[in-house]
Amino acid sequence: MSVANEPAAPKHTGEPMFLWHQVLEARRVVASERLAPVGGSSSTARADLLSALEAYAVSLTNHRRPIPYALRDELRMRRLTR
């Protein structure tokens, strides 16, 4: 059961909305690991976020949608800090 203000996640794995939900989840995991008492987010969580961002950018391009500047900048930064 989904929350009233939260749209249900799309079912098609190649669709931009499905991939956007993957990006949001990966960001949540990185943020929660960053706050963990052990310190720092794991490289696996950061790699998952990079993969989600790249898949979302490819999907936007395939659907002839522009990649927002902020997303493009985040993707560039994540690629440089692997």
N, C-alpha and C. Protein backbone atom coordinates (compact mmCIF):
# COMPACT_ATOMS: atom_id res chain seq x y z
N MET A 1 0.85 -1.18 0.00
CA MET A 1 0.00 0.00 0.00
C MET A 1 0.88 1.23 0.00
N SER A 2 0.66 2.17 -0.93
CA SER A 2 1.48 3.36 -1.00
C SER A 2 0.84 4.51 -0.23
N VAL A 3 1.69 5.44 0.18
CA VAL A 3 1.23 6.62 0.90
C VAL A 3 0.47 7.51 -0.08
N ALA A 4 -0.52 8.24 0.41
CA ALA A 4 -1.38 9.04 -0.46
C ALA A 4 -0.60 10.08 -1.26
N ASN A 5 0.43 10.69 -0.68
CA ASN A 5 1.19 11.74 -1.37
C ASN A 5 2.32 11.19 -2.22
N GLU A 6 2.59 9.92 -2.13
CA GLU A 6 3.70 9.31 -2.86
C GLU A 6 3.16 8.48 -4.02
N PRO A 7 3.55 8.84 -5.26
CA PRO A 7 3.05 8.04 -6.39
C PRO A 7 3.65 6.64 -6.38
N ALA A 8 2.92 5.71 -6.89
CA ALA A 8 3.41 4.34 -6.97
C ALA A 8 4.57 4.28 -7.95
N ALA A 9 5.56 3.45 -7.65
CA ALA A 9 6.73 3.32 -8.52
C ALA A 9 6.31 2.66 -9.84
N PRO A 10 6.79 3.19 -10.95
CA PRO A 10 6.48 2.59 -12.25
C PRO A 10 7.04 1.17 -12.34
N LYS A 11 6.45 0.36 -13.19
CA LYS A 11 6.82 -1.05 -13.30
C LYS A 11 7.84 -1.34 -14.41
N HIS A 12 7.96 -0.46 -15.40
CA HIS A 12 8.82 -0.71 -16.55
C HIS A 12 10.24 -0.25 -16.24
N THR A 13 11.20 -1.17 -16.28
CA THR A 13 12.56 -0.88 -15.85
C THR A 13 13.30 0.09 -16.75
N GLY A 14 12.88 0.28 -17.98
CA GLY A 14 13.56 1.21 -18.87
C GLY A 14 12.96 2.60 -18.87
N GLU A 15 11.89 2.78 -18.16
CA GLU A 15 11.20 4.06 -18.14
C GLU A 15 11.90 5.05 -17.23
N PRO A 16 11.93 6.33 -17.63
CA PRO A 16 12.60 7.34 -16.81
C PRO A 16 12.07 7.42 -15.37
N MET A 17 10.77 7.31 -15.18
CA MET A 17 10.23 7.41 -13.80
C MET A 17 10.71 6.26 -12.93
N PHE A 18 10.76 5.05 -13.48
CA PHE A 18 11.27 3.90 -12.71
C PHE A 18 12.72 4.15 -12.33
N LEU A 19 13.50 4.61 -13.29
CA LEU A 19 14.92 4.85 -13.03
C LEU A 19 15.12 6.02 -12.08
N TRP A 20 14.24 7.02 -12.13
CA TRP A 20 14.33 8.14 -11.19
C TRP A 20 14.11 7.63 -9.77
N HIS A 21 13.17 6.72 -9.59
CA HIS A 21 12.94 6.13 -8.27
C HIS A 21 14.18 5.36 -7.81
N GLN A 22 14.88 4.73 -8.73
CA GLN A 22 16.13 4.03 -8.40
C GLN A 22 17.19 5.04 -7.92
N VAL A 23 17.27 6.19 -8.60
CA VAL A 23 18.21 7.24 -8.20
C VAL A 23 17.88 7.73 -6.79
N LEU A 24 16.61 7.99 -6.54
CA LEU A 24 16.21 8.47 -5.22
C LEU A 24 16.54 7.46 -4.13
N GLU A 25 16.30 6.20 -4.39
CA GLU A 25 16.60 5.15 -3.41
C GLU A 25 18.11 5.05 -3.19
N ALA A 26 18.90 5.12 -4.24
CA ALA A 26 20.36 5.06 -4.11
C ALA A 26 20.88 6.26 -3.33
N ARG A 27 20.32 7.44 -3.57
CA ARG A 27 20.71 8.62 -2.80
C ARG A 27 20.36 8.44 -1.32
N ARG A 28 19.20 7.86 -1.05
CA ARG A 28 18.79 7.63 0.34
C ARG A 28 19.78 6.71 1.04
N VAL A 29 20.20 5.64 0.35
CA VAL A 29 21.14 4.68 0.94
C VAL A 29 22.47 5.35 1.21
N VAL A 30 22.98 6.14 0.26
CA VAL A 30 24.25 6.83 0.47
C VAL A 30 24.15 7.78 1.65
N ALA A 31 23.06 8.53 1.73
CA ALA A 31 22.89 9.47 2.83
C ALA A 31 22.80 8.76 4.17
N SER A 32 22.08 7.65 4.23
CA SER A 32 21.95 6.93 5.51
C SER A 32 23.28 6.31 5.93
N GLU A 33 24.06 5.83 4.97
CA GLU A 33 25.37 5.27 5.31
C GLU A 33 26.35 6.35 5.72
N ARG A 34 26.19 7.53 5.17
CA ARG A 34 27.06 8.65 5.54
C ARG A 34 26.84 9.02 7.00
N LEU A 35 25.61 8.87 7.50
CA LEU A 35 25.28 9.21 8.88
C LEU A 35 25.53 8.08 9.86
N ALA A 36 25.90 6.91 9.35
CA ALA A 36 26.14 5.76 10.22
C ALA A 36 27.35 6.03 11.11
N PRO A 37 27.33 5.48 12.34
CA PRO A 37 28.42 5.75 13.27
C PRO A 37 29.79 5.23 12.80
N VAL A 38 29.80 4.26 11.90
CA VAL A 38 31.06 3.72 11.39
C VAL A 38 31.78 4.79 10.57
N GLY A 39 31.03 5.67 9.94
CA GLY A 39 31.60 6.80 9.21
C GLY A 39 31.73 6.54 7.72
N GLY A 40 31.34 7.52 6.94
CA GLY A 40 31.47 7.46 5.49
C GLY A 40 30.52 6.47 4.84
N SER A 41 30.14 6.79 3.61
CA SER A 41 29.28 5.87 2.87
C SER A 41 30.15 4.82 2.20
N SER A 42 29.61 3.65 2.04
CA SER A 42 30.39 2.56 1.46
C SER A 42 30.58 2.79 -0.03
N SER A 43 31.65 2.22 -0.56
CA SER A 43 31.92 2.37 -1.99
C SER A 43 30.84 1.67 -2.82
N THR A 44 30.24 0.63 -2.27
CA THR A 44 29.17 -0.07 -2.99
C THR A 44 27.96 0.83 -3.17
N ALA A 45 27.57 1.54 -2.12
CA ALA A 45 26.42 2.44 -2.21
C ALA A 45 26.70 3.57 -3.18
N ARG A 46 27.90 4.10 -3.16
CA ARG A 46 28.25 5.18 -4.10
C ARG A 46 28.28 4.66 -5.54
N ALA A 47 28.78 3.45 -5.74
CA ALA A 47 28.80 2.85 -7.08
C ALA A 47 27.38 2.60 -7.58
N ASP A 48 26.50 2.16 -6.67
CA ASP A 48 25.10 1.94 -7.04
C ASP A 48 24.44 3.25 -7.45
N LEU A 49 24.76 4.33 -6.74
CA LEU A 49 24.20 5.63 -7.09
C LEU A 49 24.70 6.08 -8.46
N LEU A 50 25.98 5.90 -8.72
CA LEU A 50 26.53 6.26 -10.03
C LEU A 50 25.84 5.46 -11.13
N SER A 51 25.66 4.17 -10.92
CA SER A 51 24.98 3.33 -11.92
C SER A 51 23.55 3.79 -12.15
N ALA A 52 22.85 4.14 -11.07
CA ALA A 52 21.47 4.61 -11.20
C ALA A 52 21.41 5.93 -11.96
N LEU A 53 22.33 6.84 -11.67
CA LEU A 53 22.37 8.12 -12.37
C LEU A 53 22.66 7.92 -13.86
N GLU A 54 23.61 7.04 -14.16
CA GLU A 54 23.95 6.80 -15.56
C GLU A 54 22.78 6.17 -16.31
N ALA A 55 22.11 5.21 -15.69
CA ALA A 55 20.96 4.57 -16.34
C ALA A 55 19.84 5.58 -16.58
N TYR A 56 19.61 6.46 -15.62
CA TYR A 56 18.57 7.48 -15.77
C TYR A 56 18.92 8.44 -16.91
N ALA A 57 20.20 8.86 -16.99
CA ALA A 57 20.62 9.77 -18.05
C ALA A 57 20.47 9.11 -19.42
N VAL A 58 20.83 7.85 -19.54
CA VAL A 58 20.67 7.13 -20.80
C VAL A 58 19.20 7.03 -21.17
N SER A 59 18.36 6.74 -20.19
CA SER A 59 16.92 6.63 -20.46
C SER A 59 16.35 7.96 -20.93
N LEU A 60 16.76 9.05 -20.30
CA LEU A 60 16.29 10.36 -20.74
C LEU A 60 16.70 10.62 -22.19
N THR A 61 17.95 10.30 -22.51
CA THR A 61 18.44 10.49 -23.87
C THR A 61 17.66 9.62 -24.86
N ASN A 62 17.42 8.37 -24.49
CA ASN A 62 16.66 7.47 -25.37
C ASN A 62 15.23 7.94 -25.60
N HIS A 63 14.67 8.62 -24.60
CA HIS A 63 13.30 9.14 -24.72
C HIS A 63 13.29 10.58 -25.24
N ARG A 64 14.46 11.03 -25.73
CA ARG A 64 14.62 12.38 -26.29
C ARG A 64 14.21 13.46 -25.31
N ARG A 65 14.63 13.27 -24.07
CA ARG A 65 14.39 14.26 -23.02
C ARG A 65 15.72 14.89 -22.65
N PRO A 66 15.72 16.14 -22.25
CA PRO A 66 16.97 16.78 -21.84
C PRO A 66 17.43 16.26 -20.46
N ILE A 67 18.73 16.24 -20.27
CA ILE A 67 19.28 15.88 -18.96
C ILE A 67 19.44 17.19 -18.20
N PRO A 68 18.79 17.34 -17.06
CA PRO A 68 18.90 18.59 -16.29
C PRO A 68 20.35 18.90 -15.93
N TYR A 69 20.70 20.18 -15.92
CA TYR A 69 22.07 20.58 -15.63
C TYR A 69 22.54 20.05 -14.28
N ALA A 70 21.70 20.12 -13.26
CA ALA A 70 22.11 19.65 -11.93
C ALA A 70 22.42 18.15 -11.96
N LEU A 71 21.63 17.39 -12.69
CA LEU A 71 21.87 15.95 -12.79
C LEU A 71 23.16 15.69 -13.57
N ARG A 72 23.36 16.43 -14.64
CA ARG A 72 24.59 16.29 -15.43
C ARG A 72 25.82 16.61 -14.58
N ASP A 73 25.71 17.66 -13.76
CA ASP A 73 26.83 18.03 -12.88
C ASP A 73 27.08 16.97 -11.82
N GLU A 74 26.01 16.45 -11.23
CA GLU A 74 26.17 15.40 -10.22
C GLU A 74 26.80 14.15 -10.84
N LEU A 75 26.37 13.80 -12.02
CA LEU A 75 26.92 12.64 -12.71
C LEU A 75 28.41 12.83 -12.99
N ARG A 76 28.78 13.99 -13.45
CA ARG A 76 30.19 14.29 -13.71
C ARG A 76 31.01 14.20 -12.42
N MET A 77 30.49 14.77 -11.34
CA MET A 77 31.20 14.74 -10.06
C MET A 77 31.35 13.31 -9.56
N ARG A 78 30.29 12.50 -9.65
CA ARG A 78 30.35 11.11 -9.19
C ARG A 78 31.33 10.29 -10.01
N ARG A 79 31.39 10.55 -11.31
CA ARG A 79 32.35 9.83 -12.16
C ARG A 79 33.78 10.17 -11.78
N LEU A 80 34.03 11.43 -11.45
CA LEU A 80 35.39 11.86 -11.11
C LEU A 80 35.84 11.37 -9.73
N THR A 81 34.89 11.09 -8.85
CA THR A 81 35.26 10.71 -7.47
C THR A 81 35.05 9.24 -7.19
N ARG A 82 35.08 8.41 -8.19
CA ARG A 82 34.90 6.96 -7.97
C ARG A 82 35.97 6.43 -7.07
